[in-house]
Amino acid sequence: MRSPVTCFFASGAGLRSRSVGAVVLHSVLNVPVPPLRLQADWARETTGQLDLQAGDVEEMPLARARARWPDYRLCVATLADWTRSLGLGDLLATSPVALMACRGARYHHDGAQYGHAAFCNLFLSEDQGLDLHFAALDLRIPLQRGTAVVFDTGQPHAVIARRRSGFDSADFPPGPDHTQLFLSWELPIEEPAVAQALHVRLDSEPAAALLVKEGQVWVDGAAAGVCPASGRWRALA
């Protein structure tokens, strides 16, 4: 039977298909506050060089941050303990990691570019009245320091104001009070432990995978995108 949502992703010399997992693993971990000097660096970076605007999600310099972050290893070790408790073994240690910043985030999916992965995120900022919202699952996760999530990159998601039902750029005026910093790892979706944890079925559309030319997400058999304000699936033009 055809999966209602299918992700096509690069694997080896071709493309492979899979279902999009409807499970989001999340918890709040006890991680230390980043040093004030580092937080000041981040504030200057996001308001200056990055000029982070409402809805933007951008990568930050991780190597420079680690040099000023004595507890970085402790944060990673705490997250690794949690992912091991989920049955994911030591995947965190061998997965690519990035430091990210967002001033809210419009609804989007990352299945076209990152269909090969699940995201594992550790949020570092204090509670600013923002939620990580998975629109198709009707799931809201309050964001605070230590919020940890593992989710399928093909799931539509956004960072929105807690009192809102969708994304509105007016909720994110300039300033550090509306900016979230987080570490993000790419866990390999083809790893059996990851696929099992997120209820992902690999090779769900093998015939279609032979015809598709690039990574994309299909809904009910057709390429689909996401409304940036509501998170609803919509057909691509």
C-alpha atoms as a PDB file:
ATOM      1  CA  MET A   1       0.000   0.000   0.000  1.00  0.00           C
ATOM      2  CA  ARG A   2       1.321   3.459  -0.889  1.00  0.00           C
ATOM      3  CA  SER A   3       2.545   5.562   2.052  1.00  0.00           C
ATOM      4  CA  PRO A   4       0.723   8.930   2.231  1.00  0.00           C
ATOM      5  CA  VAL A   5       4.097  10.716   2.666  1.00  0.00           C
ATOM      6  CA  THR A   6       7.216   9.412   0.918  1.00  0.00           C
ATOM      7  CA  CYS A   7      10.738  10.769   0.952  1.00  0.00           C
ATOM      8  CA  PHE A   8      13.181  10.112  -1.901  1.00  0.00           C
ATOM      9  CA  PHE A   9      16.837  10.518  -0.962  1.00  0.00           C
ATOM     10  CA  ALA A  10      20.284   9.880  -2.406  1.00  0.00           C
ATOM     11  CA  SER A  11      21.746   6.512  -1.462  1.00  0.00           C
ATOM     12  CA  GLY A  12      24.831   5.153  -3.186  1.00  0.00           C
ATOM     13  CA  ALA A  13      24.658   5.809  -6.922  1.00  0.00           C
ATOM     14  CA  GLY A  14      20.888   6.334  -7.038  1.00  0.00           C
ATOM     15  CA  LEU A  15      17.817   7.308  -5.048  1.00  0.00           C
ATOM     16  CA  ARG A  16      16.029   5.327  -2.399  1.00  0.00           C
ATOM     17  CA  SER A  17      12.492   5.746  -1.053  1.00  0.00           C
ATOM     18  CA  ARG A  18      11.188   5.665   2.485  1.00  0.00           C
ATOM     19  CA  SER A  19       8.160   6.593   4.524  1.00  0.00           C
ATOM     20  CA  VAL A  20       8.291   9.689   6.734  1.00  0.00           C
ATOM     21  CA  GLY A  21       8.303   8.778  10.401  1.00  0.00           C
ATOM     22  CA  ALA A  22       5.458  10.142  12.523  1.00  0.00           C
ATOM     23  CA  VAL A  23       7.382   9.688  15.791  1.00  0.00           C
ATOM     24  CA  VAL A  24       9.191  12.580  17.497  1.00  0.00           C
ATOM     25  CA  LEU A  25      11.427  11.643  20.418  1.00  0.00           C
ATOM     26  CA  HIS A  26      11.921  14.447  22.926  1.00  0.00           C
ATOM     27  CA  SER A  27      12.996  15.194  26.473  1.00  0.00           C
ATOM     28  CA  VAL A  28      14.458  17.984  28.600  1.00  0.00           C
ATOM     29  CA  LEU A  29      18.049  17.329  29.660  1.00  0.00           C
ATOM     30  CA  ASN A  30      20.087  18.990  32.382  1.00  0.00           C
ATOM     31  CA  VAL A  31      22.761  20.907  30.495  1.00  0.00           C
ATOM     32  CA  PRO A  32      24.735  23.877  31.848  1.00  0.00           C
ATOM     33  CA  VAL A  33      24.182  27.485  30.839  1.00  0.00           C
ATOM     34  CA  PRO A  34      26.598  28.557  28.066  1.00  0.00           C
ATOM     35  CA  PRO A  35      29.141  31.126  29.330  1.00  0.00           C
ATOM     36  CA  LEU A  36      27.956  34.733  29.241  1.00  0.00           C
ATOM     37  CA  ARG A  37      30.897  35.712  27.038  1.00  0.00           C
ATOM     38  CA  LEU A  38      29.874  33.059  24.527  1.00  0.00           C
ATOM     39  CA  GLN A  39      26.255  34.178  24.625  1.00  0.00           C
ATOM     40  CA  ALA A  40      27.435  37.743  23.908  1.00  0.00           C
ATOM     41  CA  ASP A  41      29.419  36.422  20.924  1.00  0.00           C
ATOM     42  CA  TRP A  42      26.326  34.677  19.612  1.00  0.00           C
ATOM     43  CA  ALA A  43      24.209  37.821  20.016  1.00  0.00           C
ATOM     44  CA  ARG A  44      26.739  39.889  18.053  1.00  0.00           C
ATOM     45  CA  GLU A  45      26.968  37.231  15.336  1.00  0.00           C
ATOM     46  CA  THR A  46      23.207  36.856  14.838  1.00  0.00           C
ATOM     47  CA  THR A  47      22.472  40.592  14.833  1.00  0.00           C
ATOM     48  CA  GLY A  48      25.619  41.625  12.931  1.00  0.00           C
ATOM     49  CA  GLN A  49      27.290  39.380  10.386  1.00  0.00           C
ATOM     50  CA  LEU A  50      24.351  36.974   9.974  1.00  0.00           C
ATOM     51  CA  ASP A  51      21.694  39.703  10.226  1.00  0.00           C
ATOM     52  CA  LEU A  52      19.268  36.967  11.291  1.00  0.00           C
ATOM     53  CA  GLN A  53      15.719  37.851  10.265  1.00  0.00           C
ATOM     54  CA  ALA A  54      12.374  36.483  11.445  1.00  0.00           C
ATOM     55  CA  GLY A  55      11.966  32.924  10.237  1.00  0.00           C
ATOM     56  CA  ASP A  56      15.643  32.443   9.314  1.00  0.00           C
ATOM     57  CA  VAL A  57      17.624  29.355  10.328  1.00  0.00           C
ATOM     58  CA  GLU A  58      21.377  29.776   9.823  1.00  0.00           C
ATOM     59  CA  GLU A  59      24.600  27.963  10.705  1.00  0.00           C
ATOM     60  CA  MET A  60      26.977  29.493  13.244  1.00  0.00           C
ATOM     61  CA  PRO A  61      30.774  28.975  13.633  1.00  0.00           C
ATOM     62  CA  LEU A  62      31.075  25.896  15.869  1.00  0.00           C
ATOM     63  CA  ALA A  63      34.873  25.662  16.124  1.00  0.00           C
ATOM     64  CA  ARG A  64      35.117  29.200  17.492  1.00  0.00           C
ATOM     65  CA  ALA A  65      32.297  28.546  19.963  1.00  0.00           C
ATOM     66  CA  ARG A  66      33.939  25.365  21.264  1.00  0.00           C
ATOM     67  CA  ALA A  67      37.099  27.310  22.083  1.00  0.00           C
ATOM     68  CA  ARG A  68      35.059  29.459  24.496  1.00  0.00           C
ATOM     69  CA  TRP A  69      32.741  26.740  25.776  1.00  0.00           C
ATOM     70  CA  PRO A  70      34.273  24.625  28.570  1.00  0.00           C
ATOM     71  CA  ASP A  71      31.068  22.600  28.993  1.00  0.00           C
ATOM     72  CA  TYR A  72      30.627  21.701  25.323  1.00  0.00           C
ATOM     73  CA  ARG A  73      31.794  18.123  25.892  1.00  0.00           C
ATOM     74  CA  LEU A  74      29.476  17.805  28.893  1.00  0.00           C
ATOM     75  CA  CYS A  75      26.500  18.942  26.800  1.00  0.00           C
ATOM     76  CA  VAL A  76      27.338  16.400  24.095  1.00  0.00           C
ATOM     77  CA  ALA A  77      27.918  13.624  26.632  1.00  0.00           C
ATOM     78  CA  THR A  78      24.545  14.315  28.264  1.00  0.00           C
ATOM     79  CA  LEU A  79      22.797  14.151  24.906  1.00  0.00           C
ATOM     80  CA  ALA A  80      24.709  10.986  23.973  1.00  0.00           C
ATOM     81  CA  ASP A  81      23.530   9.307  27.176  1.00  0.00           C
ATOM     82  CA  TRP A  82      19.945  10.129  26.204  1.00  0.00           C
ATOM     83  CA  THR A  83      20.255   8.897  22.621  1.00  0.00           C
ATOM     84  CA  ARG A  84      21.829   5.667  23.872  1.00  0.00           C
ATOM     85  CA  SER A  85      18.826   5.224  26.161  1.00  0.00           C
ATOM     86  CA  LEU A  86      16.649   5.393  23.022  1.00  0.00           C
ATOM     87  CA  GLY A  87      18.503   2.469  21.496  1.00  0.00           C
ATOM     88  CA  LEU A  88      20.582   4.585  19.097  1.00  0.00           C
ATOM     89  CA  GLY A  89      23.939   3.359  20.378  1.00  0.00           C
ATOM     90  CA  ASP A  90      26.910   5.658  19.786  1.00  0.00           C
ATOM     91  CA  LEU A  91      25.648   7.163  16.512  1.00  0.00           C
ATOM     92  CA  LEU A  92      25.986  10.685  17.872  1.00  0.00           C
ATOM     93  CA  ALA A  93      29.782  10.362  17.985  1.00  0.00           C
ATOM     94  CA  THR A  94      30.041   9.569  14.272  1.00  0.00           C
ATOM     95  CA  SER A  95      27.337  11.920  12.940  1.00  0.00           C
ATOM     96  CA  PRO A  96      27.923  15.420  11.483  1.00  0.00           C
ATOM     97  CA  VAL A  97      27.152  18.252  13.917  1.00  0.00           C
ATOM     98  CA  ALA A  98      26.501  21.966  13.410  1.00  0.00           C
ATOM     99  CA  LEU A  99      25.724  24.953  15.611  1.00  0.00           C
ATOM    100  CA  MET A 100      22.533  26.630  14.409  1.00  0.00           C
ATOM    101  CA  ALA A 101      20.605  29.809  15.194  1.00  0.00           C
ATOM    102  CA  CYS A 102      17.029  30.742  14.383  1.00  0.00           C
ATOM    103  CA  ARG A 103      14.757  33.712  14.978  1.00  0.00           C
ATOM    104  CA  GLY A 104      11.675  31.567  14.897  1.00  0.00           C
ATOM    105  CA  ALA A 105      11.425  29.310  11.861  1.00  0.00           C
ATOM    106  CA  ARG A 106       8.873  29.210   9.078  1.00  0.00           C
ATOM    107  CA  TYR A 107       7.184  25.871   8.477  1.00  0.00           C
ATOM    108  CA  HIS A 108       9.306  23.707   6.237  1.00  0.00           C
ATOM    109  CA  HIS A 109      10.545  20.198   5.739  1.00  0.00           C
ATOM    110  CA  ASP A 110      14.169  19.226   5.140  1.00  0.00           C
ATOM    111  CA  GLY A 111      13.446  15.976   3.334  1.00  0.00           C
ATOM    112  CA  ALA A 112      14.623  17.169  -0.083  1.00  0.00           C
ATOM    113  CA  GLN A 113      18.137  18.072   1.095  1.00  0.00           C
ATOM    114  CA  TYR A 114      18.449  15.882   4.190  1.00  0.00           C
ATOM    115  CA  GLY A 115      16.246  12.914   3.357  1.00  0.00           C
ATOM    116  CA  HIS A 116      19.147  10.647   4.248  1.00  0.00           C
ATOM    117  CA  ALA A 117      19.001  11.776   7.872  1.00  0.00           C
ATOM    118  CA  ALA A 118      17.050  12.318  11.027  1.00  0.00           C
ATOM    119  CA  PHE A 119      17.828  15.467  12.993  1.00  0.00           C
ATOM    120  CA  CYS A 120      18.919  15.302  16.613  1.00  0.00           C
ATOM    121  CA  ASN A 121      18.776  18.790  18.136  1.00  0.00           C
ATOM    122  CA  LEU A 122      19.844  20.095  21.538  1.00  0.00           C
ATOM    123  CA  PHE A 123      18.518  23.573  22.339  1.00  0.00           C
ATOM    124  CA  LEU A 124      20.795  25.876  24.334  1.00  0.00           C
ATOM    125  CA  SER A 125      18.723  29.032  24.910  1.00  0.00           C
ATOM    126  CA  GLU A 126      16.405  29.764  27.796  1.00  0.00           C
ATOM    127  CA  ASP A 127      12.614  29.560  27.503  1.00  0.00           C
ATOM    128  CA  GLN A 128      11.448  32.513  25.409  1.00  0.00           C
ATOM    129  CA  GLY A 129       7.845  31.440  24.988  1.00  0.00           C
ATOM    130  CA  LEU A 130       8.544  29.530  21.783  1.00  0.00           C
ATOM    131  CA  ASP A 131       7.499  26.058  20.669  1.00  0.00           C
ATOM    132  CA  LEU A 132       8.846  23.607  18.135  1.00  0.00           C
ATOM    133  CA  HIS A 133       5.648  22.712  16.267  1.00  0.00           C
ATOM    134  CA  PHE A 134       5.112  19.680  14.048  1.00  0.00           C
ATOM    135  CA  ALA A 135       2.029  20.690  12.102  1.00  0.00           C
ATOM    136  CA  ALA A 136       1.105  17.322  10.585  1.00  0.00           C
ATOM    137  CA  LEU A 137       1.358  15.640  13.989  1.00  0.00           C
ATOM    138  CA  ASP A 138      -0.339  18.401  16.029  1.00  0.00           C
ATOM    139  CA  LEU A 139       2.648  18.255  18.389  1.00  0.00           C
ATOM    140  CA  ARG A 140       4.108  21.261  20.213  1.00  0.00           C
ATOM    141  CA  ILE A 141       7.340  21.004  22.195  1.00  0.00           C
ATOM    142  CA  PRO A 142       8.186  23.974  24.462  1.00  0.00           C
ATOM    143  CA  LEU A 143      11.739  25.147  23.827  1.00  0.00           C
ATOM    144  CA  GLN A 144      14.028  25.718  26.779  1.00  0.00           C
ATOM    145  CA  ARG A 145      17.635  25.059  27.618  1.00  0.00           C
ATOM    146  CA  GLY A 146      18.153  21.305  27.406  1.00  0.00           C
ATOM    147  CA  THR A 147      15.228  20.487  25.114  1.00  0.00           C
ATOM    148  CA  ALA A 148      16.366  17.517  23.023  1.00  0.00           C
ATOM    149  CA  VAL A 149      14.529  16.155  19.988  1.00  0.00           C
ATOM    150  CA  VAL A 150      15.056  13.473  17.364  1.00  0.00           C
ATOM    151  CA  PHE A 151      12.767  13.672  14.328  1.00  0.00           C
ATOM    152  CA  ASP A 152      12.410  12.802  10.680  1.00  0.00           C
ATOM    153  CA  THR A 153      13.687  15.557   8.395  1.00  0.00           C
ATOM    154  CA  GLY A 154      10.628  15.024   6.195  1.00  0.00           C
ATOM    155  CA  GLN A 155       8.208  16.136   8.906  1.00  0.00           C
ATOM    156  CA  PRO A 156       6.918  19.732   8.482  1.00  0.00           C
ATOM    157  CA  HIS A 157       8.067  21.786  11.462  1.00  0.00           C
ATOM    158  CA  ALA A 158       8.513  25.370  12.630  1.00  0.00           C
ATOM    159  CA  VAL A 159       9.482  27.441  15.647  1.00  0.00           C
ATOM    160  CA  ILE A 160       6.503  29.596  16.574  1.00  0.00           C
ATOM    161  CA  ALA A 161       5.272  31.726  19.454  1.00  0.00           C
ATOM    162  CA  ARG A 162       3.569  29.648  22.124  1.00  0.00           C
ATOM    163  CA  ARG A 163       0.345  31.629  21.926  1.00  0.00           C
ATOM    164  CA  ARG A 164       0.104  31.269  18.139  1.00  0.00           C
ATOM    165  CA  SER A 165      -1.293  28.544  15.915  1.00  0.00           C
ATOM    166  CA  GLY A 166       1.079  29.342  13.028  1.00  0.00           C
ATOM    167  CA  PHE A 167       4.174  31.301  12.034  1.00  0.00           C
ATOM    168  CA  ASP A 168       3.966  35.112  11.991  1.00  0.00           C
ATOM    169  CA  SER A 169       7.138  37.146  11.423  1.00  0.00           C
ATOM    170  CA  ALA A 170       5.705  39.911  13.636  1.00  0.00           C
ATOM    171  CA  ASP A 171       6.218  37.608  16.634  1.00  0.00           C
ATOM    172  CA  PHE A 172       9.999  37.817  16.157  1.00  0.00           C
ATOM    173  CA  PRO A 173      11.268  41.407  16.300  1.00  0.00           C
ATOM    174  CA  PRO A 174      15.049  41.951  16.213  1.00  0.00           C
ATOM    175  CA  GLY A 175      16.969  41.106  19.364  1.00  0.00           C
ATOM    176  CA  PRO A 176      18.429  38.154  21.282  1.00  0.00           C
ATOM    177  CA  ASP A 177      15.199  37.541  23.210  1.00  0.00           C
ATOM    178  CA  HIS A 178      13.690  35.920  20.112  1.00  0.00           C
ATOM    179  CA  THR A 179      16.731  33.923  18.981  1.00  0.00           C
ATOM    180  CA  GLN A 180      17.302  30.241  19.692  1.00  0.00           C
ATOM    181  CA  LEU A 181      20.711  28.557  19.523  1.00  0.00           C
ATOM    182  CA  PHE A 182      20.941  24.797  19.129  1.00  0.00           C
ATOM    183  CA  LEU A 183      23.290  21.990  18.209  1.00  0.00           C
ATOM    184  CA  SER A 184      22.083  19.755  15.399  1.00  0.00           C
ATOM    185  CA  TRP A 185      23.319  16.311  14.370  1.00  0.00           C
ATOM    186  CA  GLU A 186      22.449  14.354  11.210  1.00  0.00           C
ATOM    187  CA  LEU A 187      21.699  10.745  12.185  1.00  0.00           C
ATOM    188  CA  PRO A 188      21.729   8.283   9.249  1.00  0.00           C
ATOM    189  CA  ILE A 189      18.142   7.265   8.474  1.00  0.00           C
ATOM    190  CA  GLU A 190      19.345   4.033   6.844  1.00  0.00           C
ATOM    191  CA  GLU A 191      20.769   2.905  10.184  1.00  0.00           C
ATOM    192  CA  PRO A 192      18.257   0.278  11.407  1.00  0.00           C
ATOM    193  CA  ALA A 193      18.145   1.701  14.937  1.00  0.00           C
ATOM    194  CA  VAL A 194      17.195   5.164  13.643  1.00  0.00           C
ATOM    195  CA  ALA A 195      14.572   3.889  11.202  1.00  0.00           C
ATOM    196  CA  GLN A 196      13.063   1.664  13.887  1.00  0.00           C
ATOM    197  CA  ALA A 197      12.985   4.415  16.527  1.00  0.00           C
ATOM    198  CA  LEU A 198      11.133   6.812  14.196  1.00  0.00           C
ATOM    199  CA  HIS A 199       8.948   4.120  12.564  1.00  0.00           C
ATOM    200  CA  VAL A 200      10.448   4.722   9.132  1.00  0.00           C
ATOM    201  CA  ARG A 201       9.890   2.067   6.461  1.00  0.00           C
ATOM    202  CA  LEU A 202      12.720   1.928   3.945  1.00  0.00           C
ATOM    203  CA  ASP A 203      12.089   1.214   0.254  1.00  0.00           C
ATOM    204  CA  SER A 204       8.415   2.099   0.551  1.00  0.00           C
ATOM    205  CA  GLU A 205       8.193   3.138  -3.147  1.00  0.00           C
ATOM    206  CA  PRO A 206      10.966   1.254  -4.986  1.00  0.00           C
ATOM    207  CA  ALA A 207       9.443   1.620  -8.471  1.00  0.00           C
ATOM    208  CA  ALA A 208       8.982   5.391  -8.110  1.00  0.00           C
ATOM    209  CA  ALA A 209      12.546   5.751  -6.797  1.00  0.00           C
ATOM    210  CA  LEU A 210      13.821   4.595 -10.186  1.00  0.00           C
ATOM    211  CA  LEU A 211      12.046   7.502 -11.899  1.00  0.00           C
ATOM    212  CA  VAL A 212      12.746  10.368  -9.501  1.00  0.00           C
ATOM    213  CA  LYS A 213      15.762  12.495 -10.430  1.00  0.00           C
ATOM    214  CA  GLU A 214      16.470  14.305  -7.146  1.00  0.00           C
ATOM    215  CA  GLY A 215      15.624  14.310  -3.455  1.00  0.00           C
ATOM    216  CA  GLN A 216      12.030  15.305  -2.729  1.00  0.00           C
ATOM    217  CA  VAL A 217       8.950  14.511  -0.662  1.00  0.00           C
ATOM    218  CA  TRP A 218       5.710  13.201  -2.124  1.00  0.00           C
ATOM    219  CA  VAL A 219       2.268  13.368  -0.571  1.00  0.00           C
ATOM    220  CA  ASP A 220      -0.309  10.986  -2.025  1.00  0.00           C
ATOM    221  CA  GLY A 221       1.913  10.260  -5.012  1.00  0.00           C
ATOM    222  CA  ALA A 222       2.886  13.818  -6.012  1.00  0.00           C
ATOM    223  CA  ALA A 223       5.749  16.146  -5.096  1.00  0.00           C
ATOM    224  CA  ALA A 224       4.754  18.422  -2.223  1.00  0.00           C
ATOM    225  CA  GLY A 225       5.955  21.440  -0.291  1.00  0.00           C
ATOM    226  CA  VAL A 226       4.812  23.112   2.914  1.00  0.00           C
ATOM    227  CA  CYS A 227       2.887  26.346   3.514  1.00  0.00           C
ATOM    228  CA  PRO A 228       5.376  28.500   5.492  1.00  0.00           C
ATOM    229  CA  ALA A 229       2.630  30.056   7.635  1.00  0.00           C
ATOM    230  CA  SER A 230       0.471  27.027   8.515  1.00  0.00           C
ATOM    231  CA  GLY A 231       2.639  23.969   7.918  1.00  0.00           C
ATOM    232  CA  ARG A 232       0.034  22.318   5.711  1.00  0.00           C
ATOM    233  CA  TRP A 233       1.218  20.199   2.807  1.00  0.00           C
ATOM    234  CA  ARG A 234       0.617  21.696  -0.623  1.00  0.00           C
ATOM    235  CA  ALA A 235       1.341  20.558  -4.159  1.00  0.00           C
ATOM    236  CA  LEU A 236       4.440  21.946  -5.844  1.00  0.00           C
ATOM    237  CA  ALA A 237       3.744  23.998  -8.963  1.00  0.00           C
END
